[in-house]
Structures are given as structure tokens and as C-alpha cells.
N, C-alpha and C. Protein backbone atom coordinates (compact mmCIF):
# COMPACT_ATOMS: atom_id res chain seq x y z
N MET A 1 33.45 133.90 56.40
CA MET A 1 35.00 134.38 56.68
C MET A 1 35.51 134.47 55.45
N GLU A 2 36.66 135.30 54.70
CA GLU A 2 37.23 134.73 53.56
C GLU A 2 38.15 135.37 52.87
N LYS A 3 40.00 134.38 53.28
CA LYS A 3 40.67 134.75 53.44
C LYS A 3 41.59 134.18 52.19
N VAL A 4 42.59 135.04 51.48
CA VAL A 4 43.31 133.98 50.88
C VAL A 4 44.74 133.96 51.77
N ILE A 5 45.34 132.72 51.06
CA ILE A 5 46.44 131.89 51.44
C ILE A 5 47.03 132.25 51.13
N GLU A 6 48.71 132.61 51.79
CA GLU A 6 50.20 133.39 51.47
C GLU A 6 50.59 132.45 52.39
N THR A 7 51.90 131.80 52.52
CA THR A 7 53.19 131.61 53.18
C THR A 7 54.11 131.78 52.46
N PRO A 8 55.13 132.35 53.07
CA PRO A 8 56.78 132.07 51.97
C PRO A 8 57.30 130.41 52.52
N ASP A 9 57.00 129.81 52.74
CA ASP A 9 56.87 128.30 52.71
C ASP A 9 56.04 127.26 52.20
N ALA A 10 55.96 127.77 50.66
CA ALA A 10 55.47 127.70 49.57
C ALA A 10 55.98 128.39 48.34
N PRO A 11 56.53 128.76 47.37
CA PRO A 11 56.23 128.68 45.58
C PRO A 11 55.38 130.36 45.87
N PRO A 12 56.28 131.94 45.38
CA PRO A 12 54.92 131.94 45.06
C PRO A 12 54.10 131.71 43.95
N ALA A 13 52.59 132.56 43.16
CA ALA A 13 52.47 132.78 42.45
C ALA A 13 53.28 133.27 41.72
N ILE A 14 52.67 132.01 40.39
CA ILE A 14 53.43 133.13 39.31
C ILE A 14 52.17 133.50 37.78
N GLY A 15 51.91 133.27 38.45
CA GLY A 15 50.48 134.21 38.13
C GLY A 15 49.76 134.98 38.47
N PRO A 16 48.04 135.27 37.92
CA PRO A 16 47.75 136.11 38.46
C PRO A 16 46.41 134.92 39.24
N TYR A 17 46.33 134.55 40.76
CA TYR A 17 45.97 133.43 41.58
C TYR A 17 46.84 133.94 43.57
N SER A 18 46.39 132.91 44.15
CA SER A 18 46.56 133.30 45.01
C SER A 18 46.85 130.94 45.13
N GLN A 19 47.80 131.09 46.07
CA GLN A 19 48.01 130.03 46.99
C GLN A 19 46.80 128.99 47.44
N GLY A 20 45.87 129.89 47.95
CA GLY A 20 44.75 129.04 48.21
C GLY A 20 43.92 130.40 48.65
N MET A 21 43.07 129.33 49.10
CA MET A 21 42.10 130.83 49.18
C MET A 21 41.11 129.49 50.37
N ARG A 22 40.67 130.26 51.33
CA ARG A 22 39.63 129.70 52.65
C ARG A 22 37.96 130.80 52.66
N PHE A 23 37.11 130.25 52.76
CA PHE A 23 36.32 130.03 52.51
C PHE A 23 35.83 129.12 54.63
N GLY A 24 35.40 130.46 55.31
CA GLY A 24 34.31 129.11 56.53
C GLY A 24 35.72 128.24 56.90
N ASN A 25 35.06 127.15 56.53
CA ASN A 25 36.00 126.13 57.32
C ASN A 25 36.45 125.23 56.70
N LEU A 26 37.05 126.20 54.77
CA LEU A 26 37.37 125.04 53.79
C LEU A 26 37.90 125.85 53.10
N VAL A 27 38.97 124.59 53.00
CA VAL A 27 39.82 125.69 52.21
C VAL A 27 40.38 124.75 50.89
N VAL A 28 40.34 125.58 49.48
CA VAL A 28 40.93 125.09 48.31
C VAL A 28 42.52 125.57 48.10
N THR A 29 43.54 124.85 47.55
CA THR A 29 44.95 125.73 46.72
C THR A 29 44.95 125.44 45.47
N SER A 30 45.30 126.09 45.28
CA SER A 30 46.26 126.28 43.53
C SER A 30 46.72 125.28 43.80
N GLY A 31 47.03 124.77 42.14
CA GLY A 31 48.16 123.55 41.88
C GLY A 31 49.83 123.78 42.07
N GLN A 32 50.39 122.95 43.11
CA GLN A 32 51.00 123.21 43.45
C GLN A 32 52.07 122.90 42.14
N LEU A 33 53.41 123.72 42.74
CA LEU A 33 54.61 122.70 41.86
C LEU A 33 55.23 122.78 42.19
N PRO A 34 56.58 121.79 41.22
CA PRO A 34 57.49 121.09 42.86
C PRO A 34 58.88 122.33 42.61
N ILE A 35 58.63 123.38 43.12
CA ILE A 35 59.74 124.68 42.98
C ILE A 35 59.94 124.41 44.42
N ASP A 36 60.80 123.88 44.87
CA ASP A 36 61.92 124.81 46.28
C ASP A 36 61.61 126.14 46.44
N PRO A 37 60.96 126.64 47.40
CA PRO A 37 60.47 127.43 48.01
C PRO A 37 62.01 128.72 48.18
N GLU A 38 62.53 128.03 48.39
CA GLU A 38 64.22 128.77 49.07
C GLU A 38 65.20 128.99 48.48
N THR A 39 64.66 127.82 46.87
CA THR A 39 66.07 127.88 45.65
C THR A 39 65.33 128.29 44.38
N GLY A 40 63.87 128.18 44.25
CA GLY A 40 63.78 128.16 43.15
C GLY A 40 63.75 127.10 42.44
N GLU A 41 64.11 126.07 42.79
CA GLU A 41 64.50 124.85 42.07
C GLU A 41 63.99 124.14 41.74
N VAL A 42 63.47 123.76 40.29
CA VAL A 42 62.74 122.09 40.24
C VAL A 42 64.03 120.65 39.99
N SER A 43 63.40 119.12 40.58
CA SER A 43 64.27 118.66 40.47
C SER A 43 64.00 118.05 39.44
N GLU A 44 64.44 116.89 38.53
CA GLU A 44 63.70 116.04 37.04
C GLU A 44 62.98 114.94 37.49
N ASP A 45 63.92 114.31 38.72
CA ASP A 45 63.77 113.22 38.87
C ASP A 45 61.72 113.36 39.47
N THR A 46 60.61 112.48 38.66
CA THR A 46 59.33 112.84 38.78
C THR A 46 59.07 112.41 40.89
N LYS A 47 59.93 110.84 41.45
CA LYS A 47 59.60 111.24 42.88
C LYS A 47 59.61 112.41 43.48
N GLU A 48 61.33 112.98 43.33
CA GLU A 48 61.42 114.88 43.83
C GLU A 48 60.31 115.77 44.08
N GLN A 49 60.11 115.34 41.95
CA GLN A 49 59.12 116.62 42.10
C GLN A 49 57.38 116.35 42.94
N ALA A 50 57.42 115.37 43.42
CA ALA A 50 55.96 114.68 43.33
C ALA A 50 55.93 115.12 45.28
N HIS A 51 57.41 115.16 45.86
CA HIS A 51 57.32 115.11 47.41
C HIS A 51 57.35 116.65 47.38
N GLN A 52 57.95 117.40 46.65
CA GLN A 52 57.98 118.81 46.36
C GLN A 52 56.71 119.27 46.18
N CYS A 53 55.98 119.08 45.45
CA CYS A 53 54.67 119.79 45.76
C CYS A 53 53.80 118.84 46.61
N LEU A 54 53.91 117.73 47.59
CA LEU A 54 52.97 118.27 48.62
C LEU A 54 54.17 118.29 49.85
N LYS A 55 55.13 119.13 49.79
CA LYS A 55 56.01 120.00 50.68
C LYS A 55 54.76 121.41 50.32
N ASN A 56 55.19 121.41 49.63
CA ASN A 56 54.86 122.65 49.42
C ASN A 56 52.85 123.27 49.14
N LEU A 57 52.22 121.68 49.29
CA LEU A 57 50.98 121.41 49.22
C LEU A 57 50.56 121.84 51.29
N LYS A 58 51.22 121.43 51.51
CA LYS A 58 51.63 121.19 53.13
C LYS A 58 51.83 122.22 53.79
N ALA A 59 52.80 123.46 53.18
CA ALA A 59 52.34 124.61 53.62
C ALA A 59 51.70 125.77 53.51
N VAL A 60 51.31 125.23 52.23
CA VAL A 60 49.92 125.96 51.77
C VAL A 60 48.89 125.73 52.91
N LEU A 61 47.99 124.17 53.07
CA LEU A 61 47.48 124.32 53.92
C LEU A 61 47.97 124.76 55.60
N ASP A 62 48.45 124.41 56.03
CA ASP A 62 49.73 124.69 57.53
C ASP A 62 48.44 125.99 57.51
N ALA A 63 49.35 126.86 56.52
CA ALA A 63 49.17 128.39 56.89
C ALA A 63 47.18 128.99 57.03
N ALA A 64 46.82 127.92 55.85
CA ALA A 64 45.86 127.95 56.18
C ALA A 64 44.83 127.36 57.23
N GLY A 65 45.60 126.89 58.35
CA GLY A 65 44.70 126.41 59.82
C GLY A 65 44.71 124.32 59.29
N SER A 66 44.76 124.70 57.87
CA SER A 66 43.96 123.37 58.27
C SER A 66 45.67 122.13 58.08
N GLY A 67 45.99 121.06 57.39
CA GLY A 67 46.32 120.33 57.36
C GLY A 67 46.56 119.16 56.71
N MET A 68 46.91 117.98 55.85
CA MET A 68 47.20 116.76 54.81
C MET A 68 46.28 115.85 55.48
N ASN A 69 46.04 115.90 56.87
CA ASN A 69 44.59 114.92 57.79
C ASN A 69 43.44 115.79 57.62
N ARG A 70 43.41 116.55 56.76
CA ARG A 70 41.90 117.55 56.57
C ARG A 70 41.56 117.29 55.31
N VAL A 71 43.02 116.61 54.52
CA VAL A 71 42.23 116.17 53.15
C VAL A 71 40.96 116.09 52.89
N LYS A 72 40.13 116.34 51.44
CA LYS A 72 38.62 115.72 51.79
C LYS A 72 38.83 114.95 50.24
N LYS A 73 39.85 115.47 49.15
CA LYS A 73 40.63 115.28 47.63
C LYS A 73 41.17 116.21 47.20
N VAL A 74 42.26 115.71 46.47
CA VAL A 74 42.94 115.75 45.44
C VAL A 74 42.94 115.82 44.66
N THR A 75 43.59 116.67 43.50
CA THR A 75 43.60 116.64 42.11
C THR A 75 45.01 116.51 41.96
N VAL A 76 46.11 115.24 41.23
CA VAL A 76 46.75 115.68 40.88
C VAL A 76 46.82 115.42 38.95
N PHE A 77 48.03 115.97 38.22
CA PHE A 77 47.87 116.57 37.03
C PHE A 77 49.37 115.74 37.04
N VAL A 78 49.76 114.56 35.76
CA VAL A 78 50.95 114.45 35.66
C VAL A 78 51.53 114.38 34.03
N ARG A 79 52.21 114.76 33.52
CA ARG A 79 52.50 114.40 32.41
C ARG A 79 52.79 113.57 31.70
N ASP A 80 53.12 111.92 32.77
CA ASP A 80 53.41 110.74 31.91
C ASP A 80 52.97 110.25 32.98
N MET A 81 51.28 108.76 32.66
CA MET A 81 50.86 107.83 33.35
C MET A 81 51.67 107.30 33.06
N GLU A 82 53.02 106.63 32.82
CA GLU A 82 53.94 105.82 33.18
C GLU A 82 53.87 106.15 34.49
N GLU A 83 54.01 107.27 34.85
CA GLU A 83 54.80 107.38 36.61
C GLU A 83 53.77 107.65 37.48
N PHE A 84 52.54 106.68 36.68
CA PHE A 84 51.82 105.75 38.18
C PHE A 84 51.72 106.57 39.85
N SER A 85 52.77 104.86 39.25
CA SER A 85 53.50 103.91 40.55
C SER A 85 53.65 105.26 41.54
N ASN A 86 55.09 105.41 40.62
CA ASN A 86 56.32 106.73 41.21
C ASN A 86 55.34 107.25 42.56
N ILE A 87 54.19 107.99 41.55
CA ILE A 87 53.09 108.89 42.11
C ILE A 87 53.03 109.08 43.74
N ASN A 88 52.07 107.53 43.32
CA ASN A 88 51.42 106.71 44.47
C ASN A 88 51.71 106.18 45.76
N GLU A 89 53.57 105.99 45.50
CA GLU A 89 54.74 105.84 45.89
C GLU A 89 54.94 106.86 46.79
N VAL A 90 54.99 108.12 46.74
CA VAL A 90 55.57 109.24 47.17
C VAL A 90 53.65 109.74 47.94
N TYR A 91 53.34 109.42 47.77
CA TYR A 91 51.77 110.32 48.02
C TYR A 91 51.45 109.06 49.10
N LYS A 92 51.04 107.64 49.22
CA LYS A 92 50.92 107.74 50.52
C LYS A 92 51.68 108.00 51.90
N GLN A 93 52.75 108.29 51.38
CA GLN A 93 54.10 109.26 52.20
C GLN A 93 53.32 110.24 53.92
N TYR A 94 52.13 110.97 52.77
CA TYR A 94 52.02 112.56 53.03
C TYR A 94 50.50 112.26 53.31
N PHE A 95 49.69 111.39 53.20
CA PHE A 95 47.90 111.24 53.17
C PHE A 95 48.75 109.75 53.47
N LYS A 96 47.32 108.72 54.73
CA LYS A 96 47.28 107.88 55.84
C LYS A 96 45.45 107.64 55.61
N VAL A 97 44.94 106.27 55.54
CA VAL A 97 43.61 105.55 55.76
C VAL A 97 43.29 106.72 56.68
N PRO A 98 41.72 107.12 56.32
CA PRO A 98 41.21 106.65 55.08
C PRO A 98 41.79 107.99 53.96
N PHE A 99 41.80 107.65 52.64
CA PHE A 99 42.48 108.24 52.17
C PHE A 99 40.98 109.32 51.29
N PRO A 100 42.25 110.60 51.43
CA PRO A 100 41.16 111.21 50.76
C PRO A 100 40.78 111.21 49.08
N ALA A 101 39.76 112.03 48.88
CA ALA A 101 39.55 111.10 47.42
C ALA A 101 40.46 111.72 46.02
N ARG A 102 40.78 111.33 45.49
CA ARG A 102 41.52 111.84 44.41
C ARG A 102 41.26 111.44 43.13
N SER A 103 41.49 112.59 42.26
CA SER A 103 42.19 112.10 40.68
C SER A 103 43.16 112.56 40.20
N LEU A 104 43.78 111.33 39.39
CA LEU A 104 45.31 111.65 38.98
C LEU A 104 45.22 111.65 37.27
N VAL A 105 45.11 113.02 36.27
CA VAL A 105 44.91 112.44 35.65
C VAL A 105 46.22 113.55 34.46
N GLU A 106 46.35 112.46 33.42
CA GLU A 106 47.82 112.95 32.18
C GLU A 106 47.62 113.87 31.52
N VAL A 107 48.56 115.07 31.54
CA VAL A 107 47.89 116.40 30.96
C VAL A 107 48.97 116.47 29.85
N ALA A 108 49.07 117.31 28.72
CA ALA A 108 49.90 117.20 27.66
C ALA A 108 50.94 119.03 28.09
N ARG A 109 50.53 119.28 29.50
CA ARG A 109 51.67 119.94 29.47
C ARG A 109 51.35 120.63 30.91
N LEU A 110 52.59 121.09 31.50
CA LEU A 110 52.22 121.59 33.15
C LEU A 110 53.14 122.89 32.49
N PRO A 111 52.84 123.98 33.91
CA PRO A 111 53.91 125.38 33.87
C PRO A 111 55.07 124.89 34.23
N LYS A 112 56.42 125.68 33.82
CA LYS A 112 57.42 125.10 33.92
C LYS A 112 57.90 124.35 32.93
N ASP A 113 56.90 123.73 32.55
CA ASP A 113 56.73 122.44 32.32
C ASP A 113 57.17 121.22 33.33
N VAL A 114 56.84 121.41 34.54
CA VAL A 114 57.29 120.45 35.52
C VAL A 114 56.19 118.91 35.35
N LYS A 115 57.19 117.46 35.53
CA LYS A 115 56.39 116.63 35.68
C LYS A 115 55.26 116.59 36.11
N VAL A 116 54.75 117.29 37.56
CA VAL A 116 53.38 117.10 38.14
C VAL A 116 53.21 118.03 39.19
N GLU A 117 52.13 118.39 38.98
CA GLU A 117 51.13 119.21 39.79
C GLU A 117 50.00 118.27 41.38
N ILE A 118 50.44 119.23 42.31
CA ILE A 118 48.72 118.94 43.19
C ILE A 118 48.19 120.53 43.57
N GLU A 119 46.78 119.73 43.27
CA GLU A 119 45.78 120.88 44.30
C GLU A 119 44.98 119.69 45.45
N ALA A 120 44.87 120.71 46.46
CA ALA A 120 43.83 120.33 47.12
C ALA A 120 42.30 120.74 47.75
N LEU A 121 41.37 120.11 47.97
CA LEU A 121 40.79 120.50 48.75
C LEU A 121 40.64 120.07 49.73
N ALA A 122 40.48 120.84 51.58
CA ALA A 122 40.37 120.85 52.42
C ALA A 122 39.22 121.41 53.21
N THR A 123 39.59 120.61 54.50
CA THR A 123 38.44 121.20 55.98
C THR A 123 39.44 122.30 56.59
N VAL A 124 39.39 123.26 57.58
CA VAL A 124 39.29 123.24 58.86
C VAL A 124 38.72 123.05 59.71
N ASP A 125 38.84 123.52 61.19
CA ASP A 125 38.49 122.64 62.51
C ASP A 125 37.59 124.27 62.95
């Protein structure tokens, strides 16, 4: 089974891509930006951006029939590695032991000039 994942509870794609894809019991999300899906606004605060990215990620996973507790791998893109501890503080509110595998990478620039973008790989029962 292959299915495109779309939900109004996360911001729509800003390019030619899907919010996520489901392949059998595997869900792959696109990078979730910290855009509030109701207002289209982006906070300037890194912690608030991380929260919004993770809320959007949760919405896409839920729409796919998965959830945060089913995430196996996360990739976090940040504009400033100095925000590492701030992002970890927020991250721990969404993931519990055993934590999924994760990469956190500093990048030169992100879409819409945001500070954080988060994508995940999860499973479905």
C-alpha cells in the first residue's frame, strides 16, 4: 500500500512535495517547518519554532495512522548549532525513552528563513 499523507492540521507543502508518504507499515515525513497551520505565522523564538515543527510532525504522523511513539528516526536541521540545548529541551517533551535515533545538522539556510526543520521516519501497526 502506498499513500500520500495530507492533513490540514499541518502547513501545506510549499513546493512540489507531499507532507508525508506511507508505504505499507512505513511512514516518511517531509521536513516540517515551524509554520502555524491556522495562521501561517512563524515565531522568531527557536524553542517555539521547535514546538511548532514537532506539532506539525505529530499531525502528519497521526494522519498516517502512526504517532510520535512510533518514530524510529528523526532528522533535525538547525541554522545555529548554539541552539542545540534549546531544541533538546523541547524535543524531550515529544519523545520518551527509548528515544528514536536522531541526526541534528547545522545548515546555512532553511526554507522561509526559519531556524528549525524536522523530519521523521516512523512505523504503523
